[in-house]
Amino acid sequence: MITTLLALLLLGLLSAPAHAAVPDWPLLQKGATGDNVASLQFLLRQQGRSVTATAEFDAQTRSAVISYQQSQGLAADGIVGPVTWSRLVVSVAPGSAQANAVRALQFQLRKHGYDIAADGVFGERTSAAVQDYKAQHQLTGGTTVGPTTWQHLLGSPPGSGPLGTYAFVIPRTAVFDGRESLLWPHHDYPASDIAVETGTPAYAITSGTARLNGGPDDSCGLGVAIDGDDGVSYQYCHLDSRSVSDGTRVTAGQLIAHTGNTGNSTGPHLHFGIFRQGTSVCPQQLLIALYDGLTPPSPWTLPSSGCTS
């Protein structure tokens, strides 16, 4: 019995999903500059210290750090390390009234590539950015930003966020059945079928690595998948021809193929699917936003149901 339980326990541990390692808190002291310093200054302001947010760790900032450390019974050396950070950060969530802490958060999100204003308002854009960042780093807790999320944001190097890095998958004028057809449900599983004429250019929706798949006799027909830099895979099916090789690096808006009627198809169209960690999700809201020229929802927030007939 004990041996069986141990085996089951080991199996559970081995099959548990991997989580990203938590980075170290950054070490800041006089002379440092950048978004981490700006976030530090806003967090100090949230804690009642009078300091100007200049993104430069100047004498005023050092004095404010020492004052805060003294109030917390910490070593008052003016250096911001793990212990000071863990006391400074405060949990914030949508609608939070802690405007300076929200500004500190927004500077971190901007550092990681999200196009949001540092206005101290935890609104829809900030919520979407937080949700996307946490999903990509497998962080729990919804849209609340607690100590672990703060540590990830502050301790990780600057990154490229997903907002503003997408392109519509074909020429807008080529959508045969009109704009509203982009919202039509798929007949079988989460995906989208876009009626277009054979030979219509198909573009990379985002940057990533192209992967050729399918074939003339495959249900997908000639296919191209893009393993996106955002951690999501995008599938194009029923193509007439492919314009990239296997393993080609592509960028948003780059020509990757021409549409067709190959494979299991009842007429010329582009079958477009999104796979998030191997699960199909609904592309309709992403496609309609790109068609309209609007900032798209993150693919990490797209639903996995509700888009089939």
C-alpha atoms as a PDB file:
ATOM      1  CA  MET A   1       0.000   0.000   0.000  1.00  0.00           C
ATOM      2  CA  ILE A   2       2.761   2.463   0.963  1.00  0.00           C
ATOM      3  CA  THR A   3       4.657   1.629  -2.236  1.00  0.00           C
ATOM      4  CA  THR A   4       1.520   2.232  -4.316  1.00  0.00           C
ATOM      5  CA  LEU A   5       0.812   5.572  -2.637  1.00  0.00           C
ATOM      6  CA  LEU A   6       4.412   6.641  -3.123  1.00  0.00           C
ATOM      7  CA  ALA A   7       4.234   5.735  -6.800  1.00  0.00           C
ATOM      8  CA  LEU A   8       1.017   7.707  -7.221  1.00  0.00           C
ATOM      9  CA  LEU A   9       2.542  10.666  -5.420  1.00  0.00           C
ATOM     10  CA  LEU A  10       5.611  10.601  -7.636  1.00  0.00           C
ATOM     11  CA  LEU A  11       3.412  10.320 -10.723  1.00  0.00           C
ATOM     12  CA  GLY A  12       1.419  13.343  -9.594  1.00  0.00           C
ATOM     13  CA  LEU A  13       4.578  15.335  -9.037  1.00  0.00           C
ATOM     14  CA  LEU A  14       6.025  14.358 -12.372  1.00  0.00           C
ATOM     15  CA  SER A  15       2.839  15.231 -14.237  1.00  0.00           C
ATOM     16  CA  ALA A  16       2.257  18.556 -12.499  1.00  0.00           C
ATOM     17  CA  PRO A  17       2.501  21.561 -14.828  1.00  0.00           C
ATOM     18  CA  ALA A  18       5.781  23.442 -14.775  1.00  0.00           C
ATOM     19  CA  HIS A  19       5.670  26.985 -13.449  1.00  0.00           C
ATOM     20  CA  ALA A  20       8.073  29.740 -14.319  1.00  0.00           C
ATOM     21  CA  ALA A  21      10.761  30.278 -11.714  1.00  0.00           C
ATOM     22  CA  VAL A  22      10.301  33.406  -9.641  1.00  0.00           C
ATOM     23  CA  PRO A  23      13.087  35.887 -10.479  1.00  0.00           C
ATOM     24  CA  ASP A  24      15.125  37.604  -7.793  1.00  0.00           C
ATOM     25  CA  TRP A  25      14.004  40.996  -6.550  1.00  0.00           C
ATOM     26  CA  PRO A  26      16.115  43.727  -8.197  1.00  0.00           C
ATOM     27  CA  LEU A  27      18.787  45.496  -6.149  1.00  0.00           C
ATOM     28  CA  LEU A  28      18.484  49.286  -6.386  1.00  0.00           C
ATOM     29  CA  GLN A  29      20.680  51.975  -4.888  1.00  0.00           C
ATOM     30  CA  LYS A  30      21.745  55.554  -5.551  1.00  0.00           C
ATOM     31  CA  GLY A  31      22.674  56.084  -9.198  1.00  0.00           C
ATOM     32  CA  ALA A  32      20.212  53.540 -10.630  1.00  0.00           C
ATOM     33  CA  THR A  33      17.752  54.657 -13.307  1.00  0.00           C
ATOM     34  CA  GLY A  34      14.801  53.243 -15.244  1.00  0.00           C
ATOM     35  CA  ASP A  35      11.299  51.869 -14.805  1.00  0.00           C
ATOM     36  CA  ASN A  36      12.149  49.915 -11.653  1.00  0.00           C
ATOM     37  CA  VAL A  37      13.264  53.144 -10.017  1.00  0.00           C
ATOM     38  CA  ALA A  38      10.090  54.918 -11.134  1.00  0.00           C
ATOM     39  CA  SER A  39       8.020  52.089  -9.630  1.00  0.00           C
ATOM     40  CA  LEU A  40      10.058  52.324  -6.423  1.00  0.00           C
ATOM     41  CA  GLN A  41       9.375  56.044  -6.185  1.00  0.00           C
ATOM     42  CA  PHE A  42       5.621  55.597  -6.646  1.00  0.00           C
ATOM     43  CA  LEU A  43       5.573  52.827  -4.042  1.00  0.00           C
ATOM     44  CA  LEU A  44       7.399  55.126  -1.634  1.00  0.00           C
ATOM     45  CA  ARG A  45       4.780  57.785  -2.328  1.00  0.00           C
ATOM     46  CA  GLN A  46       2.080  55.205  -1.625  1.00  0.00           C
ATOM     47  CA  GLN A  47       3.758  54.662   1.744  1.00  0.00           C
ATOM     48  CA  GLY A  48       3.556  58.367   2.529  1.00  0.00           C
ATOM     49  CA  ARG A  49       7.064  59.432   1.543  1.00  0.00           C
ATOM     50  CA  SER A  50       7.568  62.739  -0.261  1.00  0.00           C
ATOM     51  CA  VAL A  51       9.585  61.903  -3.347  1.00  0.00           C
ATOM     52  CA  THR A  52       9.418  63.024  -6.964  1.00  0.00           C
ATOM     53  CA  ALA A  53       9.055  60.217  -9.506  1.00  0.00           C
ATOM     54  CA  THR A  54      11.955  60.945 -11.851  1.00  0.00           C
ATOM     55  CA  ALA A  55      13.076  57.352 -12.609  1.00  0.00           C
ATOM     56  CA  GLU A  56      16.472  58.350 -11.155  1.00  0.00           C
ATOM     57  CA  PHE A  57      17.649  57.045  -7.771  1.00  0.00           C
ATOM     58  CA  ASP A  58      18.832  60.404  -6.443  1.00  0.00           C
ATOM     59  CA  ALA A  59      19.613  61.723  -2.975  1.00  0.00           C
ATOM     60  CA  GLN A  60      15.938  62.498  -2.314  1.00  0.00           C
ATOM     61  CA  THR A  61      14.956  58.910  -3.165  1.00  0.00           C
ATOM     62  CA  ARG A  62      17.723  57.509  -0.972  1.00  0.00           C
ATOM     63  CA  SER A  63      16.522  59.617   1.963  1.00  0.00           C
ATOM     64  CA  ALA A  64      12.969  58.402   1.427  1.00  0.00           C
ATOM     65  CA  VAL A  65      14.159  54.780   1.333  1.00  0.00           C
ATOM     66  CA  ILE A  66      16.128  55.230   4.585  1.00  0.00           C
ATOM     67  CA  SER A  67      13.117  56.853   6.246  1.00  0.00           C
ATOM     68  CA  TYR A  68      10.886  53.978   5.186  1.00  0.00           C
ATOM     69  CA  GLN A  69      13.406  51.333   6.285  1.00  0.00           C
ATOM     70  CA  GLN A  70      13.680  52.972   9.714  1.00  0.00           C
ATOM     71  CA  SER A  71       9.907  52.993  10.099  1.00  0.00           C
ATOM     72  CA  GLN A  72       9.835  49.257   9.375  1.00  0.00           C
ATOM     73  CA  GLY A  73      12.701  48.352  11.690  1.00  0.00           C
ATOM     74  CA  LEU A  74      14.895  47.355   8.738  1.00  0.00           C
ATOM     75  CA  ALA A  75      18.592  47.982   8.184  1.00  0.00           C
ATOM     76  CA  ALA A  76      18.532  51.626   7.073  1.00  0.00           C
ATOM     77  CA  ASP A  77      21.209  51.478   4.378  1.00  0.00           C
ATOM     78  CA  GLY A  78      19.300  53.194   1.565  1.00  0.00           C
ATOM     79  CA  ILE A  79      19.608  50.072  -0.620  1.00  0.00           C
ATOM     80  CA  VAL A  80      16.415  48.430  -1.874  1.00  0.00           C
ATOM     81  CA  GLY A  81      16.728  44.648  -1.824  1.00  0.00           C
ATOM     82  CA  PRO A  82      14.407  41.684  -1.198  1.00  0.00           C
ATOM     83  CA  VAL A  83      13.376  42.610   2.360  1.00  0.00           C
ATOM     84  CA  THR A  84      12.592  46.236   1.533  1.00  0.00           C
ATOM     85  CA  TRP A  85      10.736  45.332  -1.666  1.00  0.00           C
ATOM     86  CA  SER A  86       8.585  42.740   0.128  1.00  0.00           C
ATOM     87  CA  ARG A  87       7.456  45.419   2.593  1.00  0.00           C
ATOM     88  CA  LEU A  88       6.979  48.164  -0.013  1.00  0.00           C
ATOM     89  CA  VAL A  89       4.758  46.378  -2.517  1.00  0.00           C
ATOM     90  CA  VAL A  90       1.037  46.422  -1.879  1.00  0.00           C
ATOM     91  CA  SER A  91      -1.658  44.311  -3.508  1.00  0.00           C
ATOM     92  CA  VAL A  92      -3.757  46.150  -6.075  1.00  0.00           C
ATOM     93  CA  ALA A  93      -6.718  45.049  -8.182  1.00  0.00           C
ATOM     94  CA  PRO A  94      -9.212  46.539 -10.658  1.00  0.00           C
ATOM     95  CA  GLY A  95     -10.791  49.637  -9.172  1.00  0.00           C
ATOM     96  CA  SER A  96      -8.034  50.069  -6.584  1.00  0.00           C
ATOM     97  CA  ALA A  97      -7.925  53.511  -4.956  1.00  0.00           C
ATOM     98  CA  GLN A  98      -4.169  53.220  -4.288  1.00  0.00           C
ATOM     99  CA  ALA A  99      -3.264  55.409  -7.257  1.00  0.00           C
ATOM    100  CA  ASN A 100       0.483  55.601  -6.633  1.00  0.00           C
ATOM    101  CA  ALA A 101       0.799  51.826  -6.279  1.00  0.00           C
ATOM    102  CA  VAL A 102      -1.187  51.429  -9.519  1.00  0.00           C
ATOM    103  CA  ARG A 103       1.193  53.863 -11.239  1.00  0.00           C
ATOM    104  CA  ALA A 104       4.100  51.737  -9.998  1.00  0.00           C
ATOM    105  CA  LEU A 105       2.393  48.699 -11.531  1.00  0.00           C
ATOM    106  CA  GLN A 106       1.752  50.498 -14.813  1.00  0.00           C
ATOM    107  CA  PHE A 107       5.431  51.446 -15.148  1.00  0.00           C
ATOM    108  CA  GLN A 108       6.250  47.744 -14.813  1.00  0.00           C
ATOM    109  CA  LEU A 109       3.685  46.747 -17.416  1.00  0.00           C
ATOM    110  CA  ARG A 110       5.070  49.398 -19.777  1.00  0.00           C
ATOM    111  CA  LYS A 111       8.552  47.986 -19.156  1.00  0.00           C
ATOM    112  CA  HIS A 112       7.263  44.634 -20.340  1.00  0.00           C
ATOM    113  CA  GLY A 113       5.871  46.088 -23.553  1.00  0.00           C
ATOM    114  CA  TYR A 114       2.229  46.873 -22.737  1.00  0.00           C
ATOM    115  CA  ASP A 115       0.879  50.059 -24.286  1.00  0.00           C
ATOM    116  CA  ILE A 116      -0.880  51.640 -21.301  1.00  0.00           C
ATOM    117  CA  ALA A 117      -0.787  55.034 -19.607  1.00  0.00           C
ATOM    118  CA  ALA A 118       0.680  55.413 -16.132  1.00  0.00           C
ATOM    119  CA  ASP A 119      -2.426  57.253 -14.926  1.00  0.00           C
ATOM    120  CA  GLY A 120      -3.019  55.485 -11.612  1.00  0.00           C
ATOM    121  CA  VAL A 121      -6.351  54.044 -12.789  1.00  0.00           C
ATOM    122  CA  PHE A 122      -6.673  50.268 -12.641  1.00  0.00           C
ATOM    123  CA  GLY A 123      -9.124  50.106 -15.525  1.00  0.00           C
ATOM    124  CA  GLU A 124      -9.801  47.812 -18.471  1.00  0.00           C
ATOM    125  CA  ARG A 125      -6.466  48.227 -20.268  1.00  0.00           C
ATOM    126  CA  THR A 126      -4.448  47.696 -17.096  1.00  0.00           C
ATOM    127  CA  SER A 127      -6.619  44.690 -16.215  1.00  0.00           C
ATOM    128  CA  ALA A 128      -6.123  43.175 -19.677  1.00  0.00           C
ATOM    129  CA  ALA A 129      -2.356  43.672 -19.460  1.00  0.00           C
ATOM    130  CA  VAL A 130      -2.191  42.124 -15.980  1.00  0.00           C
ATOM    131  CA  GLN A 131      -4.340  39.182 -17.056  1.00  0.00           C
ATOM    132  CA  ASP A 132      -2.147  38.565 -20.082  1.00  0.00           C
ATOM    133  CA  TYR A 133       1.135  38.872 -18.159  1.00  0.00           C
ATOM    134  CA  LYS A 134      -0.063  36.517 -15.435  1.00  0.00           C
ATOM    135  CA  ALA A 135      -1.364  33.972 -17.933  1.00  0.00           C
ATOM    136  CA  GLN A 136       1.953  33.906 -19.775  1.00  0.00           C
ATOM    137  CA  HIS A 137       3.833  33.391 -16.504  1.00  0.00           C
ATOM    138  CA  GLN A 138       1.299  30.891 -15.121  1.00  0.00           C
ATOM    139  CA  LEU A 139       0.501  33.106 -12.142  1.00  0.00           C
ATOM    140  CA  THR A 140      -2.744  32.618 -10.231  1.00  0.00           C
ATOM    141  CA  GLY A 141      -5.041  35.061  -8.447  1.00  0.00           C
ATOM    142  CA  GLY A 142      -7.025  36.581 -11.292  1.00  0.00           C
ATOM    143  CA  THR A 143      -6.253  40.250 -11.938  1.00  0.00           C
ATOM    144  CA  THR A 144      -5.028  40.971  -8.401  1.00  0.00           C
ATOM    145  CA  VAL A 145      -1.351  41.947  -8.320  1.00  0.00           C
ATOM    146  CA  GLY A 146       0.169  40.536  -5.146  1.00  0.00           C
ATOM    147  CA  PRO A 147       3.773  40.001  -3.964  1.00  0.00           C
ATOM    148  CA  THR A 148       4.588  37.141  -6.365  1.00  0.00           C
ATOM    149  CA  THR A 149       3.375  39.068  -9.427  1.00  0.00           C
ATOM    150  CA  TRP A 150       5.269  42.149  -8.232  1.00  0.00           C
ATOM    151  CA  GLN A 151       8.418  40.044  -7.913  1.00  0.00           C
ATOM    152  CA  HIS A 152       7.994  38.711 -11.449  1.00  0.00           C
ATOM    153  CA  LEU A 153       7.389  42.167 -12.883  1.00  0.00           C
ATOM    154  CA  LEU A 154      10.236  43.875 -11.041  1.00  0.00           C
ATOM    155  CA  GLY A 155      12.775  41.057 -11.257  1.00  0.00           C
ATOM    156  CA  SER A 156      12.337  40.094 -14.911  1.00  0.00           C
ATOM    157  CA  PRO A 157      14.197  41.935 -17.692  1.00  0.00           C
ATOM    158  CA  PRO A 158      12.196  44.161 -20.051  1.00  0.00           C
ATOM    159  CA  GLY A 159      10.088  42.165 -22.473  1.00  0.00           C
ATOM    160  CA  SER A 160       7.920  42.644 -25.522  1.00  0.00           C
ATOM    161  CA  GLY A 161       4.258  42.676 -24.562  1.00  0.00           C
ATOM    162  CA  PRO A 162       1.672  41.422 -27.032  1.00  0.00           C
ATOM    163  CA  LEU A 163      -0.410  44.587 -27.464  1.00  0.00           C
ATOM    164  CA  GLY A 164       0.025  46.220 -30.840  1.00  0.00           C
ATOM    165  CA  THR A 165       2.031  43.337 -32.391  1.00  0.00           C
ATOM    166  CA  TYR A 166      -0.698  41.730 -34.494  1.00  0.00           C
ATOM    167  CA  ALA A 167      -1.890  42.071 -38.085  1.00  0.00           C
ATOM    168  CA  PHE A 168      -5.080  40.986 -39.846  1.00  0.00           C
ATOM    169  CA  VAL A 169      -4.611  37.642 -41.623  1.00  0.00           C
ATOM    170  CA  ILE A 170      -5.736  38.661 -45.156  1.00  0.00           C
ATOM    171  CA  PRO A 171      -6.402  41.954 -46.995  1.00  0.00           C
ATOM    172  CA  ARG A 172      -9.518  43.508 -45.448  1.00  0.00           C
ATOM    173  CA  THR A 173     -11.112  43.935 -48.871  1.00  0.00           C
ATOM    174  CA  ALA A 174     -10.810  40.196 -49.483  1.00  0.00           C
ATOM    175  CA  VAL A 175     -13.333  39.186 -46.784  1.00  0.00           C
ATOM    176  CA  PHE A 176     -15.969  37.748 -49.111  1.00  0.00           C
ATOM    177  CA  ASP A 177     -19.024  37.708 -46.827  1.00  0.00           C
ATOM    178  CA  GLY A 178     -18.387  41.031 -45.107  1.00  0.00           C
ATOM    179  CA  ARG A 179     -17.170  42.096 -41.684  1.00  0.00           C
ATOM    180  CA  GLU A 180     -19.881  40.328 -39.692  1.00  0.00           C
ATOM    181  CA  SER A 181     -18.840  36.967 -41.130  1.00  0.00           C
ATOM    182  CA  LEU A 182     -15.720  37.162 -38.968  1.00  0.00           C
ATOM    183  CA  LEU A 183     -17.971  36.665 -35.941  1.00  0.00           C
ATOM    184  CA  TRP A 184     -19.745  33.606 -37.323  1.00  0.00           C
ATOM    185  CA  PRO A 185     -19.344  30.435 -35.224  1.00  0.00           C
ATOM    186  CA  HIS A 186     -17.319  27.526 -36.518  1.00  0.00           C
ATOM    187  CA  HIS A 187     -19.246  24.337 -37.263  1.00  0.00           C
ATOM    188  CA  ASP A 188     -17.201  21.952 -35.167  1.00  0.00           C
ATOM    189  CA  TYR A 189     -14.608  23.286 -32.692  1.00  0.00           C
ATOM    190  CA  PRO A 190     -13.251  26.741 -31.791  1.00  0.00           C
ATOM    191  CA  ALA A 191     -11.863  28.207 -35.052  1.00  0.00           C
ATOM    192  CA  SER A 192     -12.889  30.496 -37.900  1.00  0.00           C
ATOM    193  CA  ASP A 193     -13.619  29.848 -41.585  1.00  0.00           C
ATOM    194  CA  ILE A 194     -13.153  32.969 -43.724  1.00  0.00           C
ATOM    195  CA  ALA A 195     -14.558  32.748 -47.250  1.00  0.00           C
ATOM    196  CA  VAL A 196     -12.007  34.138 -49.739  1.00  0.00           C
ATOM    197  CA  GLU A 197     -11.059  33.555 -53.348  1.00  0.00           C
ATOM    198  CA  THR A 198      -8.262  31.129 -54.142  1.00  0.00           C
ATOM    199  CA  GLY A 199      -4.917  32.926 -54.297  1.00  0.00           C
ATOM    200  CA  THR A 200      -5.711  35.562 -51.653  1.00  0.00           C
ATOM    201  CA  PRO A 201      -2.574  36.589 -49.733  1.00  0.00           C
ATOM    202  CA  ALA A 202      -2.415  35.262 -46.155  1.00  0.00           C
ATOM    203  CA  TYR A 203      -0.349  37.188 -43.613  1.00  0.00           C
ATOM    204  CA  ALA A 204       1.355  36.254 -40.363  1.00  0.00           C
ATOM    205  CA  ILE A 205      -0.867  37.407 -37.526  1.00  0.00           C
ATOM    206  CA  THR A 206       2.124  37.990 -35.251  1.00  0.00           C
ATOM    207  CA  SER A 207       5.848  37.337 -34.997  1.00  0.00           C
ATOM    208  CA  GLY A 208       7.090  33.809 -34.466  1.00  0.00           C
ATOM    209  CA  THR A 209       8.410  30.736 -36.234  1.00  0.00           C
ATOM    210  CA  ALA A 210       6.643  29.177 -39.226  1.00  0.00           C
ATOM    211  CA  ARG A 211       5.968  25.459 -39.194  1.00  0.00           C
ATOM    212  CA  LEU A 212       4.729  23.694 -42.338  1.00  0.00           C
ATOM    213  CA  ASN A 213       2.120  20.994 -41.802  1.00  0.00           C
ATOM    214  CA  GLY A 214      -0.714  19.196 -43.518  1.00  0.00           C
ATOM    215  CA  GLY A 215      -0.641  18.214 -47.187  1.00  0.00           C
ATOM    216  CA  PRO A 216      -2.934  17.977 -50.229  1.00  0.00           C
ATOM    217  CA  ASP A 217      -4.648  14.873 -48.851  1.00  0.00           C
ATOM    218  CA  ASP A 218      -4.695  15.951 -45.208  1.00  0.00           C
ATOM    219  CA  SER A 219      -7.921  17.331 -43.683  1.00  0.00           C
ATOM    220  CA  CYS A 220      -6.160  20.673 -43.222  1.00  0.00           C
ATOM    221  CA  GLY A 221      -4.811  20.590 -46.763  1.00  0.00           C
ATOM    222  CA  LEU A 222      -1.644  22.604 -47.212  1.00  0.00           C
ATOM    223  CA  GLY A 223      -1.089  24.268 -43.866  1.00  0.00           C
ATOM    224  CA  VAL A 224       1.167  26.721 -42.100  1.00  0.00           C
ATOM    225  CA  ALA A 225       1.342  27.120 -38.346  1.00  0.00           C
ATOM    226  CA  ILE A 226       3.020  30.029 -36.599  1.00  0.00           C
ATOM    227  CA  ASP A 227       4.426  29.287 -33.179  1.00  0.00           C
ATOM    228  CA  GLY A 228       4.083  32.822 -31.882  1.00  0.00           C
ATOM    229  CA  ASP A 229       6.544  34.664 -29.690  1.00  0.00           C
ATOM    230  CA  ASP A 230       3.532  35.240 -27.427  1.00  0.00           C
ATOM    231  CA  GLY A 231       3.465  31.522 -26.550  1.00  0.00           C
ATOM    232  CA  VAL A 232       0.396  30.801 -28.694  1.00  0.00           C
ATOM    233  CA  SER A 233       0.203  28.820 -31.981  1.00  0.00           C
ATOM    234  CA  TYR A 234      -1.792  29.958 -35.016  1.00  0.00           C
ATOM    235  CA  GLN A 235      -2.950  27.539 -37.740  1.00  0.00           C
ATOM    236  CA  TYR A 236      -3.739  28.376 -41.395  1.00  0.00           C
ATOM    237  CA  CYS A 237      -5.384  25.594 -43.455  1.00  0.00           C
ATOM    238  CA  HIS A 238      -6.625  24.794 -47.007  1.00  0.00           C
ATOM    239  CA  LEU A 239      -3.857  26.863 -48.596  1.00  0.00           C
ATOM    240  CA  ASP A 240      -3.115  26.893 -52.320  1.00  0.00           C
ATOM    241  CA  SER A 241       0.588  27.617 -51.814  1.00  0.00           C
ATOM    242  CA  ARG A 242       3.044  28.467 -49.043  1.00  0.00           C
ATOM    243  CA  SER A 243       5.513  31.346 -49.170  1.00  0.00           C
ATOM    244  CA  VAL A 244       7.727  30.409 -46.216  1.00  0.00           C
ATOM    245  CA  SER A 245       9.913  27.449 -45.351  1.00  0.00           C
ATOM    246  CA  ASP A 246       9.754  25.316 -42.248  1.00  0.00           C
ATOM    247  CA  GLY A 247      11.484  27.159 -39.397  1.00  0.00           C
ATOM    248  CA  THR A 248      11.325  30.597 -41.057  1.00  0.00           C
ATOM    249  CA  ARG A 249      11.150  33.542 -38.663  1.00  0.00           C
ATOM    250  CA  VAL A 250       8.172  35.766 -39.535  1.00  0.00           C
ATOM    251  CA  THR A 251       6.831  39.106 -38.354  1.00  0.00           C
ATOM    252  CA  ALA A 252       3.274  40.423 -38.103  1.00  0.00           C
ATOM    253  CA  GLY A 253       1.874  41.246 -41.549  1.00  0.00           C
ATOM    254  CA  GLN A 254       4.439  39.189 -43.491  1.00  0.00           C
ATOM    255  CA  LEU A 255       3.155  37.194 -46.482  1.00  0.00           C
ATOM    256  CA  ILE A 256       3.245  33.493 -45.552  1.00  0.00           C
ATOM    257  CA  ALA A 257       0.874  31.820 -48.033  1.00  0.00           C
ATOM    258  CA  HIS A 258      -1.959  32.130 -50.532  1.00  0.00           C
ATOM    259  CA  THR A 259      -5.388  30.756 -49.706  1.00  0.00           C
ATOM    260  CA  GLY A 260      -6.974  27.871 -51.536  1.00  0.00           C
ATOM    261  CA  ASN A 261      -9.288  24.875 -51.387  1.00  0.00           C
ATOM    262  CA  THR A 262      -7.002  21.961 -50.488  1.00  0.00           C
ATOM    263  CA  GLY A 263      -7.754  19.149 -48.048  1.00  0.00           C
ATOM    264  CA  ASN A 264     -11.170  18.599 -46.507  1.00  0.00           C
ATOM    265  CA  SER A 265     -12.801  21.741 -47.866  1.00  0.00           C
ATOM    266  CA  THR A 266     -16.178  22.473 -49.446  1.00  0.00           C
ATOM    267  CA  GLY A 267     -15.043  25.671 -51.158  1.00  0.00           C
ATOM    268  CA  PRO A 268     -12.256  28.248 -51.215  1.00  0.00           C
ATOM    269  CA  HIS A 269     -11.672  29.659 -47.751  1.00  0.00           C
ATOM    270  CA  LEU A 270      -9.077  30.219 -45.048  1.00  0.00           C
ATOM    271  CA  HIS A 271      -9.459  28.079 -41.970  1.00  0.00           C
ATOM    272  CA  PHE A 272      -7.815  29.938 -39.072  1.00  0.00           C
ATOM    273  CA  GLY A 273      -7.315  28.463 -35.614  1.00  0.00           C
ATOM    274  CA  ILE A 274      -5.610  29.465 -32.382  1.00  0.00           C
ATOM    275  CA  PHE A 275      -4.103  26.944 -29.982  1.00  0.00           C
ATOM    276  CA  ARG A 276      -3.213  28.019 -26.454  1.00  0.00           C
ATOM    277  CA  GLN A 277      -1.155  25.358 -24.687  1.00  0.00           C
ATOM    278  CA  GLY A 278      -2.618  22.820 -27.104  1.00  0.00           C
ATOM    279  CA  THR A 279      -6.250  23.849 -26.592  1.00  0.00           C
ATOM    280  CA  SER A 280      -8.332  25.457 -29.360  1.00  0.00           C
ATOM    281  CA  VAL A 281      -9.669  28.884 -28.436  1.00  0.00           C
ATOM    282  CA  CYS A 282     -12.101  31.196 -30.203  1.00  0.00           C
ATOM    283  CA  PRO A 283     -10.393  33.605 -32.646  1.00  0.00           C
ATOM    284  CA  GLN A 284     -13.460  35.671 -33.548  1.00  0.00           C
ATOM    285  CA  GLN A 285     -12.932  38.625 -31.183  1.00  0.00           C
ATOM    286  CA  LEU A 286      -9.262  38.854 -32.094  1.00  0.00           C
ATOM    287  CA  LEU A 287     -10.034  38.821 -35.822  1.00  0.00           C
ATOM    288  CA  ILE A 288     -12.791  41.447 -35.645  1.00  0.00           C
ATOM    289  CA  ALA A 289     -10.592  43.807 -33.599  1.00  0.00           C
ATOM    290  CA  LEU A 290      -7.765  43.499 -36.127  1.00  0.00           C
ATOM    291  CA  TYR A 291     -10.194  43.991 -39.008  1.00  0.00           C
ATOM    292  CA  ASP A 292     -11.472  47.168 -37.334  1.00  0.00           C
ATOM    293  CA  GLY A 293      -7.948  48.424 -36.633  1.00  0.00           C
ATOM    294  CA  LEU A 294      -8.429  48.266 -32.873  1.00  0.00           C
ATOM    295  CA  THR A 295      -6.102  46.998 -30.146  1.00  0.00           C
ATOM    296  CA  PRO A 296      -6.901  43.292 -30.044  1.00  0.00           C
ATOM    297  CA  PRO A 297      -7.646  41.250 -26.943  1.00  0.00           C
ATOM    298  CA  SER A 298      -4.744  39.127 -25.830  1.00  0.00           C
ATOM    299  CA  PRO A 299      -4.942  35.562 -27.184  1.00  0.00           C
ATOM    300  CA  TRP A 300      -4.321  34.463 -23.594  1.00  0.00           C
ATOM    301  CA  THR A 301      -7.738  35.858 -22.642  1.00  0.00           C
ATOM    302  CA  LEU A 302      -9.794  34.417 -25.530  1.00  0.00           C
ATOM    303  CA  PRO A 303     -12.548  31.957 -24.528  1.00  0.00           C
ATOM    304  CA  SER A 304     -12.332  28.266 -25.360  1.00  0.00           C
ATOM    305  CA  SER A 305     -16.081  27.858 -25.906  1.00  0.00           C
ATOM    306  CA  GLY A 306     -19.102  29.739 -27.225  1.00  0.00           C
ATOM    307  CA  CYS A 307     -17.979  30.033 -30.852  1.00  0.00           C
ATOM    308  CA  THR A 308     -19.340  26.840 -32.387  1.00  0.00           C
ATOM    309  CA  SER A 309     -22.719  26.189 -33.952  1.00  0.00           C
END
